[in-house]
Amino acid sequence: MFVVLINCRIGYQDTACGSYLGGPTNNPLAHQYPEYSWTNSLPWSCVYNIEDFSGSSDQERFNLARDIAYTRGGGVIFLPAGTYIFEEDLVLKEGIVIRGASPILQDAKNDSYSPRTKLIFPQYQPVQSGTGTPNKTAFKTIRTTNPDIDRNIGLINLDINRAAVTFGNNIDESQNSNIVIYGIRQNNVATPNPYVPNLEFQSPWLRFSDLLSANIKVTAKSNVLIANNRLNDNITDSFEQDNYQIQRKNGSVEVLAEGWKVPFNYTNHYGISVNRFKNGSILFEPLATPEKEKGLFRKRIIIRNNWVYHTMSVGIHASGDGLVIKDNIVLDKADKRWYTDRWGLGPPYLNDSDRIPPNITYENRAIDWSGWNVIIEGNTYQVYRHFLSNTSNQSIDGEGILIQECCGGTKVKGVSIKQNVGNSYIGLYKIPDIMNVMILGNQLLSNITDTELIYVNADTNQKPGQMHGVQINQNILNGSILIKASLGGNHNIVSNNVSKGDNAINFSSDVKLENNINFEIINLK
């Protein structure tokens, strides 16, 4: 028996969920990630094939399939191999998963990774005259109807061009959970900075990419798995802008005539960000605890096996209690140069005449984490600082794996940083009361900053701190180690580390040293 529904091409069996043609019904994560059993709660067995739905566009067909699946308790909208065109945001509802055909090659870290189901959104077509092209013509998003409530949602095996993924909104009040983003290839994602153009001195057609945007931005209460995705490996849409205007502190306007100096860039932003934005910003109480900032301590946040390329902001940016950041590759561009401040309004200098670099950061970091009981393991990363304008001065960033007291940082209570390979430092940066840290088996054979390659400092700029249970063991470094807590502590040990150059271990009292090779030993007392 069939019940025929309006605008449905074929219809539905009234004894089972899903549409006639259906599609794969297995949990695609069960084999690779069996430990995350909560993924079984997503509606894998109810499959609605978009080919079963009529409409004048792929957008109409998807919306119809989504609405019917939602009224029947949720399901997977299956898009067989092919190309699908969407002119507006793609909006999920609770219990809706979008799934593409299984890729021939499964590993997103492989350079040949290419999902067979392709989602194409509008390209921004710049016009450098008049008021320019309206932003609303492009910069689309895949999101949900009720971002702080919708649960059991996902994106699986999709090649997404020109749409960001944004799930969730309010980190303090979010109730959404069970979110899976797996097997995504994603390119040409950006959000225009709302402060550009400043019509007091800038041409109205100018645009500037917002460094606080992200390829994938999730805010959720619990159960987030972002795995096996490939971000920004084929950027085609970045465009130059001739005669970009910036304003100096004395009010004078400089014209950067060469278009390559301030392009609209589709990689100048975060890669993956989970539970690190608050009301659209990154402002939190410093040195947060669960009592101060509950949103930074959500459970079961997992980021694994992703490939991320970015040229500004942070590759992986996340917080949680039990957070896992494992086996990811984060890449950056060497010899970067930028000609404006981070907002695209002024020059990157404190003093226009002397061109003295200020404390300017573009947040160039590979992994920026916070939370308790965190695992950061098996990641490979590179990160580079920006040269400022036509000088040899560089931005004050370039951290490899970082936690700090500000900007969504928390106190440290349990972290394992293990077997990572990178070109910049691991930093527990001026966090008082550091507890239960294992930094083990990392290989850091180059250093793009002047900071020690392993930097653990419990003293803030305002007051001394203490540390307990910090172990720095079996790391191979072409750089130094700093472990400092002026108020002391116990069970802190630095052992069996190997230096590949002229390096030092700088340590304070209550730190034990054992069997370290080729380091100068400096007691900070």
Protein backbone atom coordinates (compact mmCIF):
# COMPACT_ATOMS: atom_id res chain seq x y z
CA MET A 1 0.00 0.00 0.00
CA PHE A 2 1.25 3.51 -0.85
CA VAL A 3 0.23 6.91 0.42
CA VAL A 4 0.89 9.47 -2.32
CA LEU A 5 2.07 12.87 -1.05
CA ILE A 6 1.77 16.12 -2.97
CA ASN A 7 4.81 16.95 -5.12
CA CYS A 8 6.40 13.56 -4.43
CA ARG A 9 7.56 11.83 -7.52
CA ILE A 10 6.94 8.29 -6.34
CA GLY A 11 5.54 8.19 -2.80
CA TYR A 12 6.09 6.41 0.51
CA GLN A 13 5.30 3.14 2.09
CA ASP A 14 3.06 3.90 5.05
CA THR A 15 4.60 1.03 7.04
CA ALA A 16 8.14 2.39 7.09
CA CYS A 17 10.00 5.67 7.06
CA GLY A 18 11.92 6.86 4.02
CA SER A 19 11.14 7.30 0.34
CA TYR A 20 10.83 4.77 -2.45
CA LEU A 21 14.36 4.93 -3.92
CA GLY A 22 15.97 5.25 -0.50
CA GLY A 23 19.72 5.00 -0.09
CA PRO A 24 22.38 3.68 2.31
CA THR A 25 21.00 3.01 5.79
CA ASN A 26 24.16 2.15 7.74
CA ASN A 27 25.86 4.38 10.30
CA PRO A 28 28.95 5.43 8.27
CA LEU A 29 30.89 6.15 11.47
CA ALA A 30 30.33 2.86 13.24
CA HIS A 31 33.35 1.04 11.81
CA GLN A 32 35.94 3.84 12.15
CA TYR A 33 34.67 5.32 15.42
CA PRO A 34 32.84 2.58 17.33
CA GLU A 35 33.65 4.27 20.64
CA TYR A 36 31.18 7.05 19.89
CA SER A 37 28.04 4.96 20.23
CA TRP A 38 25.87 8.07 20.50
CA THR A 39 26.16 8.41 16.71
CA ASN A 40 23.78 5.45 16.44
CA SER A 41 20.98 7.76 17.61
CA LEU A 42 20.99 9.65 14.31
CA PRO A 43 18.17 8.52 11.97
CA TRP A 44 20.33 6.48 9.57
CA SER A 45 17.64 3.94 8.68
CA CYS A 46 15.06 6.46 7.41
CA VAL A 47 16.38 7.57 4.02
CA TYR A 48 14.65 10.07 1.76
CA ASN A 49 16.20 10.11 -1.70
CA ILE A 50 16.04 13.57 -3.28
CA GLU A 51 15.27 11.90 -6.63
CA ASP A 52 11.86 10.99 -5.22
CA PHE A 53 10.89 14.66 -4.90
CA SER A 54 9.77 17.12 -7.57
CA GLY A 55 10.43 20.84 -7.70
CA SER A 56 11.65 23.63 -9.93
CA SER A 57 15.10 23.60 -8.30
CA ASP A 58 17.36 21.47 -6.13
CA GLN A 59 16.53 23.88 -3.30
CA GLU A 60 12.80 23.14 -3.60
CA ARG A 61 13.39 19.40 -3.85
CA PHE A 62 15.60 19.41 -0.77
CA ASN A 63 13.21 21.54 1.26
CA LEU A 64 10.31 19.25 0.43
CA ALA A 65 12.27 16.13 1.37
CA ARG A 66 13.47 17.80 4.57
CA ASP A 67 9.98 18.88 5.63
CA ILE A 68 8.44 15.48 5.04
CA ALA A 69 11.29 13.72 6.86
CA TYR A 70 10.94 16.15 9.75
CA THR A 71 7.18 15.56 10.10
CA ARG A 72 7.85 11.81 10.19
CA GLY A 73 10.40 12.09 13.01
CA GLY A 74 13.58 12.83 11.06
CA GLY A 75 15.73 11.07 8.54
CA VAL A 76 18.60 11.16 6.07
CA ILE A 77 18.19 13.22 2.91
CA PHE A 78 20.26 11.22 0.44
CA LEU A 79 21.79 13.02 -2.53
CA PRO A 80 23.17 10.50 -5.06
CA ALA A 81 26.41 11.27 -6.90
CA GLY A 82 26.06 14.42 -8.98
CA THR A 83 26.01 18.20 -8.72
CA TYR A 84 23.30 20.12 -6.86
CA ILE A 85 22.80 23.88 -7.12
CA PHE A 86 21.54 25.95 -4.19
CA GLU A 87 20.88 29.69 -4.41
CA GLU A 88 20.15 30.30 -0.72
CA ASP A 89 21.16 28.93 2.68
CA LEU A 90 20.61 25.22 3.17
CA VAL A 91 18.56 24.91 6.35
CA LEU A 92 18.28 21.68 8.31
CA LYS A 93 15.72 20.85 10.97
CA GLU A 94 15.98 18.62 14.02
CA GLY A 95 16.68 15.02 13.11
CA ILE A 96 17.85 15.80 9.55
CA VAL A 97 21.09 14.48 8.06
CA ILE A 98 22.32 15.30 4.54
CA ARG A 99 24.25 12.39 3.07
CA GLY A 100 26.09 12.08 -0.22
CA ALA A 101 27.29 9.06 -2.13
CA SER A 102 30.26 7.25 -0.59
CA PRO A 103 33.55 8.54 -2.02
CA ILE A 104 35.73 6.12 -3.95
CA LEU A 105 38.63 7.24 -1.78
CA GLN A 106 37.64 7.40 1.89
CA ASP A 107 40.55 9.25 3.52
CA ALA A 108 40.08 13.05 3.50
CA LYS A 109 43.77 13.60 4.29
CA ASN A 110 44.67 12.11 0.92
CA ASP A 111 45.27 14.76 -1.76
CA SER A 112 42.98 12.91 -4.16
CA TYR A 113 39.97 12.98 -1.84
CA SER A 114 36.87 14.08 -3.77
CA PRO A 115 33.30 13.29 -2.65
CA ARG A 116 31.02 12.39 -5.54
CA THR A 117 28.07 14.47 -4.30
CA LYS A 118 28.74 18.16 -4.94
CA LEU A 119 26.82 21.10 -3.48
CA ILE A 120 27.39 24.41 -5.28
CA PHE A 121 26.35 27.77 -3.81
CA PRO A 122 26.53 31.24 -5.44
CA GLN A 123 29.91 32.78 -6.17
CA TYR A 124 30.53 36.36 -5.13
CA GLN A 125 31.14 38.36 -8.29
CA PRO A 126 32.98 41.56 -7.30
CA VAL A 127 32.28 44.84 -9.06
CA GLN A 128 34.75 47.59 -8.23
CA SER A 129 32.46 50.51 -8.89
CA GLY A 130 29.38 52.06 -7.35
CA THR A 131 28.43 50.27 -4.14
CA GLY A 132 29.86 46.99 -5.37
CA THR A 133 28.08 43.66 -5.50
CA PRO A 134 25.66 43.18 -2.58
CA ASN A 135 26.94 40.69 0.00
CA LYS A 136 23.57 38.93 0.05
CA THR A 137 24.23 37.55 -3.44
CA ALA A 138 26.72 35.05 -1.97
CA PHE A 139 28.33 33.93 1.32
CA LYS A 140 25.70 31.30 2.09
CA THR A 141 25.52 28.98 5.08
CA ILE A 142 24.40 25.46 5.95
CA ARG A 143 22.59 25.88 9.27
CA THR A 144 19.58 24.71 11.26
CA THR A 145 16.14 26.17 11.88
CA ASN A 146 16.44 26.30 15.67
CA PRO A 147 20.20 26.47 16.23
CA ASP A 148 20.22 26.10 20.02
CA ILE A 149 17.74 23.21 20.07
CA ASP A 150 18.07 21.06 16.96
CA ARG A 151 19.58 17.64 17.67
CA ASN A 152 20.57 14.57 15.68
CA ILE A 153 21.84 16.46 12.64
CA GLY A 154 24.69 15.81 10.27
CA LEU A 155 26.54 16.32 7.00
CA ILE A 156 28.08 13.22 5.43
CA ASN A 157 30.23 12.73 2.29
CA LEU A 158 29.66 16.08 0.57
CA ASP A 159 31.80 18.37 -1.58
CA ILE A 160 30.61 21.84 -0.53
CA ASN A 161 31.63 24.89 -2.53
CA ARG A 162 30.92 28.41 -1.20
CA ALA A 163 28.94 27.69 1.96
CA ALA A 164 30.03 27.82 5.59
CA VAL A 165 28.71 25.30 8.11
CA THR A 166 27.27 26.91 11.25
CA PHE A 167 25.41 24.82 13.80
CA GLY A 168 24.35 26.32 17.13
CA ASN A 169 24.46 29.85 18.47
CA ASN A 170 24.29 30.57 22.22
CA ILE A 171 27.10 28.76 24.06
CA ASP A 172 25.54 29.38 27.48
CA GLU A 173 22.02 28.20 26.68
CA SER A 174 22.50 25.66 23.89
CA GLN A 175 20.59 22.38 24.20
CA ASN A 176 21.52 20.97 20.80
CA SER A 177 23.54 17.76 20.64
CA ASN A 178 24.42 14.74 18.49
CA ILE A 179 26.07 16.61 15.63
CA VAL A 180 28.17 14.82 13.01
CA ILE A 181 30.20 16.44 10.22
CA TYR A 182 32.06 13.69 8.36
CA GLY A 183 33.66 13.31 4.95
CA ILE A 184 33.18 16.94 3.91
CA ARG A 185 35.37 18.69 1.37
CA GLN A 186 34.78 22.44 1.60
CA ASN A 187 36.17 25.43 -0.30
CA ASN A 188 35.64 29.16 -0.88
CA VAL A 189 34.12 29.96 2.50
CA ALA A 190 34.16 33.52 3.84
CA THR A 191 32.10 36.19 5.58
CA PRO A 192 32.57 39.87 4.74
CA ASN A 193 33.82 41.99 7.62
CA PRO A 194 30.89 44.24 8.66
CA TYR A 195 33.19 47.24 9.27
CA VAL A 196 34.39 47.40 5.66
CA PRO A 197 33.78 49.59 3.80
CA ASN A 198 34.01 52.49 6.22
CA LEU A 199 32.46 55.10 3.98
CA GLU A 200 34.26 57.94 5.75
CA PHE A 201 37.42 57.02 3.85
CA GLN A 202 36.89 53.80 1.86
CA SER A 203 35.31 53.21 -1.53
CA PRO A 204 31.87 51.60 -1.16
CA TRP A 205 32.76 48.58 -3.28
CA LEU A 206 35.62 47.42 -1.04
CA ARG A 207 35.27 44.16 0.89
CA PHE A 208 37.39 42.52 3.61
CA SER A 209 37.25 38.91 4.77
CA ASP A 210 36.28 38.53 8.44
CA LEU A 211 39.00 36.60 10.28
CA LEU A 212 36.43 35.53 12.93
CA SER A 213 34.46 33.49 10.40
CA ALA A 214 35.06 29.75 10.01
CA ASN A 215 34.65 26.87 7.61
CA ILE A 216 32.91 24.88 10.34
CA LYS A 217 31.59 26.61 13.46
CA VAL A 218 29.65 24.56 16.01
CA THR A 219 28.18 25.50 19.36
CA ALA A 220 26.55 22.59 21.17
CA LYS A 221 25.76 21.14 24.58
CA SER A 222 27.32 17.73 23.94
CA ASN A 223 28.19 15.01 21.42
CA VAL A 224 29.96 16.64 18.50
CA LEU A 225 32.07 14.60 16.05
CA ILE A 226 33.92 16.49 13.31
CA ALA A 227 36.02 13.93 11.49
CA ASN A 228 37.62 13.08 8.15
CA ASN A 229 36.99 16.46 6.55
CA ARG A 230 39.16 18.37 4.07
CA LEU A 231 39.02 22.16 4.20
CA ASN A 232 40.38 24.71 1.73
CA ASP A 233 42.37 22.60 -0.71
CA ASN A 234 41.03 24.28 -3.87
CA ILE A 235 40.47 28.01 -3.38
CA THR A 236 39.37 29.61 -6.64
CA ASP A 237 37.39 32.70 -5.58
CA SER A 238 39.88 35.04 -3.85
CA PHE A 239 40.04 38.34 -5.72
CA GLU A 240 42.29 41.38 -5.82
CA GLN A 241 41.11 44.91 -4.98
CA ASP A 242 42.82 47.92 -6.52
CA ASN A 243 43.18 51.16 -4.59
CA TYR A 244 42.25 49.81 -1.17
CA GLN A 245 42.17 52.66 1.35
CA ILE A 246 43.36 52.55 4.97
CA GLN A 247 43.37 55.36 7.51
CA ARG A 248 46.34 56.21 9.70
CA LYS A 249 46.07 57.34 13.30
CA ASN A 250 46.62 60.97 12.28
CA GLY A 251 43.59 60.75 10.00
CA SER A 252 45.47 60.63 6.71
CA VAL A 253 44.43 58.07 4.13
CA GLU A 254 46.85 55.75 2.34
CA VAL A 255 45.90 54.09 -0.92
CA LEU A 256 47.27 50.58 -1.46
CA ALA A 257 47.05 50.70 -5.23
CA GLU A 258 48.27 47.20 -5.99
CA GLY A 259 45.32 44.81 -5.82
CA TRP A 260 47.38 41.96 -4.38
CA LYS A 261 48.12 43.92 -1.20
CA VAL A 262 44.60 43.59 0.22
CA PRO A 263 42.79 40.83 -1.63
CA PHE A 264 39.51 39.41 -0.44
CA ASN A 265 40.93 36.13 0.80
CA TYR A 266 38.99 32.91 1.32
CA THR A 267 41.48 31.31 3.72
CA ASN A 268 41.93 34.19 6.20
CA HIS A 269 39.74 32.73 8.94
CA TYR A 270 39.26 29.83 11.34
CA GLY A 271 39.10 26.28 10.05
CA ILE A 272 37.16 24.31 12.68
CA SER A 273 35.78 26.07 15.75
CA VAL A 274 33.74 24.31 18.44
CA ASN A 275 32.39 26.03 21.56
CA ARG A 276 34.79 28.96 21.44
CA PHE A 277 32.52 31.86 20.46
CA LYS A 278 30.26 33.73 22.84
CA ASN A 279 27.50 35.95 21.42
CA GLY A 280 29.41 36.37 18.19
CA SER A 281 32.75 37.16 19.82
CA ILE A 282 35.56 35.33 21.58
CA LEU A 283 35.25 37.25 24.87
CA PHE A 284 34.93 35.05 27.94
CA GLU A 285 35.84 35.34 31.59
CA PRO A 286 39.60 34.74 31.80
CA LEU A 287 40.88 31.52 33.39
CA ALA A 288 37.42 30.04 33.16
CA THR A 289 36.05 27.23 35.29
CA PRO A 290 32.75 25.36 34.85
CA GLU A 291 31.20 27.73 37.37
CA LYS A 292 32.24 30.81 35.37
CA GLU A 293 31.82 29.59 31.79
CA LYS A 294 29.87 26.35 31.53
CA GLY A 295 29.87 26.55 27.74
CA LEU A 296 33.63 25.89 27.63
CA PHE A 297 33.23 22.55 29.44
CA ARG A 298 30.74 20.67 27.30
CA LYS A 299 31.16 16.90 27.05
CA ARG A 300 32.18 14.64 24.18
CA ILE A 301 33.62 17.12 21.68
CA ILE A 302 35.72 15.16 19.17
CA ILE A 303 37.82 16.56 16.28
CA ARG A 304 39.73 13.83 14.42
CA ASN A 305 41.47 13.03 11.15
CA ASN A 306 40.77 16.36 9.46
CA TRP A 307 42.92 18.20 6.88
CA VAL A 308 42.80 21.97 7.33
CA TYR A 309 44.54 24.73 5.38
CA HIS A 310 44.24 28.33 6.53
CA THR A 311 46.27 31.53 6.32
CA MET A 312 44.92 33.58 9.23
CA SER A 313 43.30 32.83 12.61
CA VAL A 314 43.31 29.27 14.01
CA GLY A 315 43.22 25.91 12.24
CA ILE A 316 41.43 24.03 15.05
CA HIS A 317 39.84 26.09 17.82
CA ALA A 318 37.89 24.18 20.45
CA SER A 319 37.00 23.70 24.10
CA GLY A 320 35.44 20.99 26.22
CA ASP A 321 35.67 18.67 29.18
CA GLY A 322 37.19 15.56 27.65
CA LEU A 323 37.89 17.37 24.37
CA VAL A 324 39.77 15.22 21.82
CA ILE A 325 41.85 16.76 18.99
CA LYS A 326 43.56 13.83 17.33
CA ASP A 327 45.35 12.88 14.11
CA ASN A 328 44.61 16.10 12.25
CA ILE A 329 46.79 17.89 9.69
CA VAL A 330 46.87 21.70 9.91
CA LEU A 331 48.72 23.62 7.18
CA ASP A 332 49.57 27.26 6.56
CA LYS A 333 51.36 29.45 4.00
CA ALA A 334 54.98 30.45 4.53
CA ASP A 335 56.26 34.00 3.92
CA LYS A 336 52.85 35.61 4.33
CA ARG A 337 52.62 39.38 4.18
CA TRP A 338 49.72 41.66 5.11
CA TYR A 339 49.21 45.37 4.69
CA THR A 340 46.34 46.26 7.04
CA ASP A 341 45.26 45.70 10.61
CA ARG A 342 43.07 42.70 11.36
CA TRP A 343 39.89 44.65 10.59
CA GLY A 344 40.98 46.03 7.23
CA LEU A 345 40.76 49.66 8.34
CA GLY A 346 44.27 50.83 9.23
CA PRO A 347 47.94 49.94 8.87
CA PRO A 348 49.59 47.26 11.03
CA TYR A 349 51.72 49.80 12.91
CA LEU A 350 51.62 51.52 16.26
CA ASN A 351 53.53 54.57 15.06
CA ASP A 352 53.05 55.60 11.45
CA SER A 353 56.33 57.48 11.17
CA ASP A 354 58.61 54.94 12.85
CA ARG A 355 56.59 51.94 11.72
CA ILE A 356 57.12 50.27 15.07
CA PRO A 357 55.13 47.04 15.15
CA PRO A 358 52.41 47.05 17.82
CA ASN A 359 51.13 44.04 19.69
CA ILE A 360 49.31 43.03 16.52
CA THR A 361 48.11 39.51 16.06
CA TYR A 362 46.25 37.86 13.25
CA GLU A 363 45.84 34.84 15.57
CA ASN A 364 48.08 32.65 13.45
CA ARG A 365 47.82 29.38 15.39
CA ALA A 366 47.52 25.73 14.50
CA ILE A 367 45.55 24.49 17.52
CA ASP A 368 44.02 26.74 20.20
CA TRP A 369 42.34 24.72 22.94
CA SER A 370 40.81 25.05 26.38
CA GLY A 371 38.92 22.88 28.86
CA TRP A 372 39.73 20.04 31.24
CA ASN A 373 40.80 16.42 30.67
CA VAL A 374 41.87 17.21 27.11
CA ILE A 375 43.67 14.92 24.63
CA ILE A 376 45.72 16.50 21.82
CA GLU A 377 47.47 13.63 20.08
CA GLY A 378 49.04 12.66 16.78
CA ASN A 379 48.51 15.98 15.01
CA THR A 380 50.85 17.34 12.34
CA TYR A 381 50.90 21.10 12.05
CA GLN A 382 52.60 24.06 10.49
CA VAL A 383 51.96 27.70 11.28
CA TYR A 384 53.56 30.95 10.08
CA ARG A 385 53.50 34.59 11.14
CA HIS A 386 52.71 37.49 8.81
CA PHE A 387 55.31 39.99 7.72
CA LEU A 388 53.91 43.50 8.18
CA SER A 389 53.70 45.63 5.04
CA ASN A 390 57.10 46.05 3.37
CA THR A 391 59.14 45.47 6.52
CA SER A 392 60.86 42.54 8.21
CA ASN A 393 58.62 42.98 11.28
CA GLN A 394 56.25 40.10 12.00
CA SER A 395 52.95 39.67 13.79
CA ILE A 396 53.15 38.46 17.39
CA ASP A 397 51.51 35.09 16.98
CA GLY A 398 52.58 31.82 15.40
CA GLU A 399 51.72 29.43 18.23
CA GLY A 400 51.57 25.71 17.49
CA ILE A 401 49.40 24.25 20.29
CA LEU A 402 48.22 26.94 22.70
CA ILE A 403 46.13 27.64 25.75
CA GLN A 404 46.19 31.08 27.36
CA GLU A 405 44.26 32.84 30.09
CA CYS A 406 42.27 35.13 27.78
CA CYS A 407 39.94 34.69 24.84
CA GLY A 408 38.14 31.54 25.92
CA GLY A 409 41.06 30.11 27.88
CA THR A 410 40.43 28.06 31.01
CA LYS A 411 42.41 26.88 33.96
CA VAL A 412 44.35 23.71 33.18
CA LYS A 413 43.17 20.56 34.92
CA GLY A 414 44.27 17.55 32.94
CA VAL A 415 45.74 17.52 29.43
CA SER A 416 47.75 15.03 27.38
CA ILE A 417 49.72 16.57 24.50
CA LYS A 418 51.28 13.57 22.87
CA GLN A 419 53.11 12.59 19.67
CA ASN A 420 52.42 15.77 17.74
CA VAL A 421 54.78 17.01 15.01
CA GLY A 422 55.06 20.72 14.27
CA ASN A 423 57.15 23.79 13.55
CA SER A 424 56.15 26.00 16.49
CA TYR A 425 55.79 25.81 20.21
CA ILE A 426 53.49 24.01 22.59
CA GLY A 427 52.37 26.66 25.06
CA LEU A 428 50.55 26.63 28.38
CA TYR A 429 50.89 30.37 28.36
CA LYS A 430 50.78 32.15 31.72
CA ILE A 431 48.08 29.98 33.29
CA PRO A 432 48.18 29.90 37.12
CA ASP A 433 47.50 26.66 39.00
CA ILE A 434 48.37 24.22 36.21
CA MET A 435 47.51 20.64 37.15
CA ASN A 436 48.05 17.19 35.65
CA VAL A 437 49.83 17.78 32.36
CA MET A 438 51.58 15.24 30.15
CA ILE A 439 53.67 16.54 27.22
CA LEU A 440 55.09 13.36 25.72
CA GLY A 441 56.84 12.23 22.55
CA ASN A 442 56.36 15.36 20.47
CA GLN A 443 58.75 16.27 17.63
CA LEU A 444 59.35 19.99 17.23
CA LEU A 445 62.36 20.33 14.97
CA SER A 446 61.93 23.96 13.88
CA ASN A 447 60.66 27.12 15.51
CA ILE A 448 59.09 30.16 13.84
CA THR A 449 59.07 32.20 17.08
CA ASP A 450 61.59 33.17 19.76
CA THR A 451 59.61 31.36 22.44
CA GLU A 452 60.82 28.07 23.92
CA LEU A 453 59.41 25.14 21.96
CA ILE A 454 57.82 23.74 25.09
CA TYR A 455 56.59 26.66 27.19
CA VAL A 456 54.80 25.92 30.47
CA ASN A 457 54.44 29.03 32.60
CA ALA A 458 52.16 29.33 35.63
CA ASP A 459 53.17 32.95 36.27
CA THR A 460 50.89 35.56 34.73
CA ASN A 461 51.90 39.15 34.11
CA GLN A 462 50.09 40.11 37.31
CA LYS A 463 50.98 37.38 39.79
CA PRO A 464 53.03 34.21 40.34
CA GLY A 465 51.44 30.77 40.10
CA GLN A 466 51.99 27.14 40.92
CA MET A 467 51.90 23.84 39.06
CA HIS A 468 51.40 20.23 40.08
CA GLY A 469 51.85 17.02 38.15
CA VAL A 470 53.48 18.45 35.03
CA GLN A 471 55.50 15.88 33.08
CA ILE A 472 57.55 16.79 30.00
CA ASN A 473 59.02 13.54 28.69
CA GLN A 474 60.64 12.01 25.59
CA ASN A 475 60.25 15.00 23.31
CA ILE A 476 62.70 15.69 20.45
CA LEU A 477 63.31 19.41 20.04
CA ASN A 478 65.36 21.88 18.08
CA GLY A 479 64.57 24.49 20.70
CA SER A 480 64.43 25.02 24.43
CA ILE A 481 62.08 24.13 27.28
CA LEU A 482 60.67 26.50 29.88
CA ILE A 483 58.81 25.21 32.92
CA LYS A 484 58.13 27.91 35.48
CA ALA A 485 55.98 28.37 38.57
CA SER A 486 57.32 30.88 41.10
CA LEU A 487 55.05 29.54 43.83
CA GLY A 488 56.37 26.03 43.25
CA GLY A 489 54.43 22.79 43.29
CA ASN A 490 55.02 19.07 43.35
CA HIS A 491 55.40 16.03 41.08
CA ASN A 492 56.82 18.09 38.19
CA ILE A 493 59.43 16.32 36.08
CA VAL A 494 61.33 16.94 32.85
CA SER A 495 62.96 13.73 31.63
CA ASN A 496 64.42 11.93 28.63
CA ASN A 497 64.06 14.85 26.23
CA VAL A 498 66.55 15.23 23.36
CA SER A 499 67.87 18.51 22.02
CA LYS A 500 68.91 18.72 18.35
CA GLY A 501 70.69 22.06 18.73
CA ASP A 502 72.11 24.59 21.16
CA ASN A 503 69.16 24.65 23.54
CA ALA A 504 68.35 24.96 27.23
CA ILE A 505 65.99 23.80 29.93
CA ASN A 506 64.86 26.81 31.96
CA PHE A 507 63.23 25.57 35.14
CA SER A 508 62.06 26.90 38.48
CA SER A 509 62.06 25.26 41.91
CA ASP A 510 60.17 22.04 42.55
CA VAL A 511 60.94 20.66 39.09
CA LYS A 512 62.96 17.45 38.81
CA LEU A 513 65.26 16.87 35.83
CA GLU A 514 66.35 13.41 34.63
CA ASN A 515 68.28 12.07 31.62
CA ASN A 516 67.80 15.01 29.28
CA ILE A 517 70.30 15.03 26.42
CA ASN A 518 72.25 18.00 25.04
CA PHE A 519 70.51 20.80 26.96
CA GLU A 520 72.07 23.60 28.95
CA ILE A 521 70.45 23.61 32.39
CA ILE A 522 69.32 27.00 33.73
CA ASN A 523 67.76 27.20 37.18
CA LEU A 524 65.40 30.18 37.32
CA LYS A 525 65.07 29.89 41.14
